[in-house]
């Protein structure tokens, strides 16, 4: 018996949490621009009666 189902999406800016891209030795001119600052976190929470 399903009691509750919740879905959601959060957009997180990696810079605000100090997340940086990999080593800059391979991409000297690109640096942190190699990946987007924002990423999506999608989730689904389901609770069931046990």
N, C-alpha and C. Protein backbone atom coordinates (compact mmCIF):
# COMPACT_ATOMS: atom_id res chain seq x y z
N UNK A 1 0.85 -1.19 0.00
CA UNK A 1 0.00 0.00 0.00
C UNK A 1 0.88 1.24 0.00
N UNK A 2 0.75 2.06 -1.01
CA UNK A 2 1.53 3.28 -1.15
C UNK A 2 0.92 4.39 -0.32
N UNK A 3 1.72 4.99 0.56
CA UNK A 3 1.21 6.07 1.41
C UNK A 3 1.52 7.45 0.84
N UNK A 4 2.74 7.62 0.30
CA UNK A 4 3.14 8.94 -0.17
C UNK A 4 4.22 8.83 -1.23
N UNK A 5 4.11 9.65 -2.27
CA UNK A 5 5.13 9.73 -3.30
C UNK A 5 5.40 11.21 -3.59
N UNK A 6 6.65 11.61 -3.50
CA UNK A 6 7.04 13.00 -3.72
C UNK A 6 8.18 13.03 -4.72
N UNK A 7 8.07 13.89 -5.74
CA UNK A 7 9.16 14.08 -6.68
C UNK A 7 9.55 15.55 -6.69
N UNK A 8 10.78 15.81 -7.06
CA UNK A 8 11.22 17.20 -7.09
C UNK A 8 12.49 17.36 -7.90
N UNK A 9 12.82 18.61 -8.15
CA UNK A 9 14.02 18.96 -8.90
C UNK A 9 14.61 20.20 -8.26
N UNK A 10 15.91 20.16 -8.00
CA UNK A 10 16.62 21.29 -7.41
C UNK A 10 17.77 21.64 -8.33
N UNK A 11 17.95 22.92 -8.60
CA UNK A 11 19.10 23.39 -9.37
C UNK A 11 20.13 23.93 -8.39
N UNK A 12 21.35 23.38 -8.45
CA UNK A 12 22.40 23.72 -7.51
C UNK A 12 23.56 24.37 -8.26
N UNK A 13 24.08 25.45 -7.72
CA UNK A 13 25.25 26.11 -8.28
C UNK A 13 26.49 25.55 -7.57
N UNK A 14 27.33 24.82 -8.29
CA UNK A 14 28.48 24.14 -7.70
C UNK A 14 29.49 25.11 -7.10
N UNK A 15 29.58 26.32 -7.64
CA UNK A 15 30.55 27.31 -7.17
C UNK A 15 30.25 27.71 -5.72
N UNK A 16 28.97 27.79 -5.35
CA UNK A 16 28.59 28.18 -3.99
C UNK A 16 29.09 27.19 -2.94
N UNK A 17 29.37 25.95 -3.36
CA UNK A 17 29.81 24.91 -2.43
C UNK A 17 31.27 24.51 -2.65
N UNK A 18 32.00 25.30 -3.42
CA UNK A 18 33.43 25.07 -3.61
C UNK A 18 33.77 23.88 -4.50
N UNK A 19 32.83 23.43 -5.33
CA UNK A 19 33.10 22.30 -6.22
C UNK A 19 33.76 22.84 -7.48
N UNK A 20 34.97 22.37 -7.76
CA UNK A 20 35.71 22.83 -8.93
C UNK A 20 35.94 21.67 -9.87
N UNK A 21 36.28 22.00 -11.13
CA UNK A 21 36.55 20.95 -12.11
C UNK A 21 37.88 20.29 -11.81
N UNK A 22 38.19 19.25 -12.58
CA UNK A 22 39.42 18.48 -12.37
C UNK A 22 40.68 19.31 -12.56
N UNK A 23 41.83 18.65 -12.58
CA UNK A 23 43.11 19.35 -12.69
C UNK A 23 43.18 20.20 -13.95
N UNK A 24 43.81 21.34 -13.85
CA UNK A 24 43.89 22.27 -14.97
C UNK A 24 45.08 22.00 -15.87
N UNK A 25 45.85 20.96 -15.63
CA UNK A 25 47.03 20.69 -16.44
C UNK A 25 46.67 20.34 -17.88
N UNK A 26 45.56 19.63 -18.07
CA UNK A 26 45.14 19.24 -19.41
C UNK A 26 44.41 20.38 -20.12
N UNK A 27 43.61 21.14 -19.36
CA UNK A 27 42.82 22.24 -19.92
C UNK A 27 43.30 23.57 -19.35
N UNK A 28 44.53 23.94 -19.62
CA UNK A 28 45.09 25.17 -19.05
C UNK A 28 44.26 26.40 -19.39
N UNK A 29 43.75 26.51 -20.60
CA UNK A 29 43.02 27.71 -20.99
C UNK A 29 41.53 27.63 -20.66
N UNK A 30 41.03 26.43 -20.39
CA UNK A 30 39.59 26.27 -20.12
C UNK A 30 39.28 26.36 -18.63
N UNK A 31 40.07 25.71 -17.79
CA UNK A 31 39.87 25.76 -16.34
C UNK A 31 38.48 25.35 -15.92
N UNK A 32 37.85 26.14 -15.04
CA UNK A 32 36.53 25.82 -14.52
C UNK A 32 35.41 26.03 -15.53
N UNK A 33 35.70 26.56 -16.69
CA UNK A 33 34.65 26.75 -17.70
C UNK A 33 34.35 25.45 -18.45
N UNK A 34 35.08 24.37 -18.15
CA UNK A 34 34.88 23.10 -18.84
C UNK A 34 33.55 22.45 -18.48
N UNK A 35 33.00 22.77 -17.31
CA UNK A 35 31.71 22.23 -16.89
C UNK A 35 30.81 23.39 -16.45
N UNK A 36 29.51 23.18 -16.52
CA UNK A 36 28.55 24.22 -16.12
C UNK A 36 28.60 24.47 -14.63
N UNK A 37 28.29 25.70 -14.23
CA UNK A 37 28.23 26.04 -12.81
C UNK A 37 27.00 25.42 -12.15
N UNK A 38 25.88 25.36 -12.87
CA UNK A 38 24.63 24.83 -12.32
C UNK A 38 24.43 23.38 -12.77
N UNK A 39 23.87 22.57 -11.87
CA UNK A 39 23.46 21.22 -12.26
C UNK A 39 22.13 20.90 -11.59
N UNK A 40 21.39 19.99 -12.20
CA UNK A 40 20.07 19.59 -11.71
C UNK A 40 20.19 18.35 -10.84
N UNK A 41 19.47 18.35 -9.74
CA UNK A 41 19.36 17.18 -8.88
C UNK A 41 17.88 16.82 -8.84
N UNK A 42 17.54 15.69 -9.44
CA UNK A 42 16.15 15.23 -9.49
C UNK A 42 16.00 14.06 -8.53
N UNK A 43 14.89 14.06 -7.78
CA UNK A 43 14.70 13.01 -6.79
C UNK A 43 13.24 12.56 -6.73
N UNK A 44 13.07 11.35 -6.21
CA UNK A 44 11.73 10.79 -5.97
C UNK A 44 11.78 10.03 -4.66
N UNK A 45 10.90 10.37 -3.76
CA UNK A 45 10.82 9.72 -2.45
C UNK A 45 9.49 9.00 -2.36
N UNK A 46 9.56 7.72 -2.01
CA UNK A 46 8.34 6.91 -1.88
C UNK A 46 8.33 6.27 -0.50
N UNK A 47 7.23 6.44 0.20
CA UNK A 47 7.08 5.75 1.49
C UNK A 47 5.99 4.70 1.35
N UNK A 48 6.21 3.59 1.99
CA UNK A 48 5.23 2.51 1.96
C UNK A 48 4.97 2.02 3.38
N UNK A 49 3.78 1.54 3.59
CA UNK A 49 3.42 0.96 4.86
C UNK A 49 4.05 -0.43 4.95
N UNK A 50 4.75 -0.69 6.02
CA UNK A 50 5.41 -1.99 6.20
C UNK A 50 4.59 -2.86 7.13
